[in-house]
Protein backbone atom coordinates (compact mmCIF):
# COMPACT_ATOMS: atom_id res chain seq x y z
CA MET A 1 -1.77 -15.56 19.41
CA LYS A 2 -0.68 -12.00 20.24
CA LYS A 3 2.98 -12.96 19.75
CA TRP A 4 2.17 -14.32 16.28
CA ILE A 5 0.29 -11.11 15.38
CA THR A 6 3.25 -9.04 16.57
CA VAL A 7 5.74 -11.13 14.57
CA SER A 8 3.57 -11.05 11.45
CA GLY A 9 3.04 -7.32 11.88
CA ILE A 10 6.78 -6.75 12.03
CA ALA A 11 7.24 -8.92 8.93
CA VAL A 12 4.55 -7.02 7.01
CA PHE A 13 6.00 -3.68 8.09
CA SER A 14 9.48 -4.79 6.97
CA ILE A 15 8.19 -5.87 3.57
CA VAL A 16 6.25 -2.62 3.11
CA LEU A 17 9.33 -0.61 4.07
CA LEU A 18 11.48 -2.61 1.65
CA VAL A 19 9.01 -2.09 -1.22
CA PHE A 20 8.82 1.61 -0.40
CA LEU A 21 12.61 1.96 -0.46
CA ILE A 22 12.94 0.02 -3.71
CA THR A 23 10.26 2.22 -5.29
CA MET A 24 11.99 5.39 -4.15
CA ILE A 25 15.42 4.25 -5.38
CA SER A 26 14.17 3.03 -8.74
CA THR A 27 12.13 6.19 -9.30
CA ALA A 28 15.05 8.43 -8.38
CA ALA A 29 17.40 6.41 -10.60
CA ARG A 30 14.99 6.65 -13.52
CA VAL A 31 14.44 10.40 -13.16
CA TYR A 32 17.95 11.51 -12.22
CA GLY A 33 19.91 8.85 -14.11
CA GLN A 34 19.23 10.18 -17.59
CA SER A 35 22.15 10.63 -19.95
CA SER A 36 22.95 14.03 -21.38
CA GLU A 37 21.40 13.07 -24.72
CA GLU A 38 18.11 12.16 -23.07
CA ALA A 39 18.26 15.37 -21.03
CA ALA A 40 18.71 17.38 -24.22
CA VAL A 41 15.61 15.79 -25.73
CA LYS A 42 13.59 16.52 -22.61
CA GLU A 43 14.59 20.15 -22.11
CA ASP A 44 11.19 21.15 -20.83
CA TYR A 45 11.34 18.50 -18.09
CA SER A 46 12.58 20.78 -15.35
CA GLU A 47 14.24 19.79 -12.12
CA ASN A 48 11.20 20.92 -10.15
CA ARG A 49 8.93 18.63 -12.21
CA ALA A 50 11.29 15.71 -11.53
CA LYS A 51 11.01 16.27 -7.78
CA ILE A 52 7.23 16.44 -8.04
CA THR A 53 7.21 13.16 -9.95
CA VAL A 54 9.42 11.42 -7.40
CA TRP A 55 7.26 12.55 -4.50
CA GLY A 56 4.12 11.64 -6.41
CA PHE A 57 5.33 8.06 -6.89
CA ALA A 58 6.37 7.94 -3.25
CA ALA A 59 2.93 9.15 -2.12
CA ALA A 60 1.20 6.55 -4.31
CA ALA A 61 3.38 3.77 -2.92
CA PHE A 62 2.88 4.98 0.63
CA SER A 63 -0.91 5.16 0.36
CA THR A 64 -1.08 1.63 -1.05
CA ALA A 65 1.29 0.33 1.62
CA ILE A 66 -0.55 1.93 4.52
CA GLY A 67 -3.92 0.81 3.16
CA SER A 68 -2.70 -2.76 2.79
CA VAL A 69 -1.17 -2.88 6.26
CA GLY A 70 -4.34 -1.44 7.76
CA ALA A 71 -6.45 -3.98 5.91
CA GLY A 72 -4.22 -6.80 7.09
CA ILE A 73 -4.52 -5.74 10.71
CA ALA A 74 -8.29 -5.28 10.38
CA VAL A 75 -8.76 -8.69 8.76
CA ALA A 76 -6.65 -10.30 11.48
CA TYR A 77 -8.89 -9.00 14.25
CA VAL A 78 -12.21 -9.23 12.41
CA GLY A 79 -11.44 -12.67 10.99
CA SER A 80 -10.50 -14.16 14.34
CA ALA A 81 -13.62 -12.69 15.97
CA ALA A 82 -15.75 -13.91 13.07
CA LEU A 83 -14.40 -17.44 13.35
CA GLY A 84 -15.10 -17.40 17.08
CA ALA A 85 -18.67 -16.28 16.45
CA ILE A 86 -19.17 -18.89 13.73
CA GLY A 87 -17.87 -21.55 16.10
CA GLU A 88 -20.58 -20.72 18.59
CA LYS A 89 -23.40 -19.91 16.15
CA PRO A 90 -22.89 -21.31 12.63
CA GLU A 91 -25.81 -19.29 11.26
CA LEU A 92 -23.69 -16.12 11.63
CA ALA A 93 -21.37 -17.13 8.76
CA ALA A 94 -22.93 -14.80 6.19
CA ARG A 95 -22.71 -11.77 8.49
CA ALA A 96 -19.14 -12.62 9.44
CA LEU A 97 -18.07 -12.72 5.79
CA ILE A 98 -19.61 -9.27 5.25
CA TYR A 99 -17.48 -7.81 8.04
CA VAL A 100 -14.33 -9.45 6.70
CA GLY A 101 -15.15 -8.02 3.27
CA LEU A 102 -15.55 -4.55 4.75
CA ALA A 103 -12.13 -4.87 6.35
CA GLU A 104 -10.67 -5.87 2.96
CA GLY A 105 -12.18 -2.71 1.46
CA ILE A 106 -9.59 -0.61 3.28
CA ALA A 107 -6.89 -1.92 0.93
CA ILE A 108 -9.02 -1.07 -2.08
CA TYR A 109 -9.46 2.49 -0.82
CA GLY A 110 -5.68 2.87 -0.56
CA LEU A 111 -5.29 1.53 -4.09
CA ILE A 112 -7.92 3.97 -5.41
CA ILE A 113 -6.08 6.89 -3.80
CA SER A 114 -2.84 5.68 -5.42
CA ILE A 115 -4.48 5.54 -8.82
CA MET A 116 -5.86 9.05 -8.33
CA ILE A 117 -2.39 10.32 -7.42
CA LEU A 118 -0.78 8.63 -10.44
CA ILE A 119 -3.42 10.05 -12.79
CA LYS A 120 -2.54 13.58 -11.61
CA LEU A 121 1.15 13.04 -12.45
């Protein structure tokens, strides 16, 4: 079981890292890849503002990624313990689902922080 959790953790981390890199590259390409005509139209869009935007998108992606990975790890441990408890006492099913739902809430908190960051950009 621990080997499977380690392998799945590495897979999740790899996917999160890949999504983070793709987000960074696409954001940088969109901000820095403007033609001279587009740059002339957006004269007030300074280089400093472009860097702030890139780091803002990176922070939003990072907070969602970390929240999702944390929720996945929490659900793995809480879910396996909940199933063990339900196996011994079936009347604990409702309580076990509450704990699994609380573990899922971690991902929602990360998403809320990302939305708050994106609103400020």
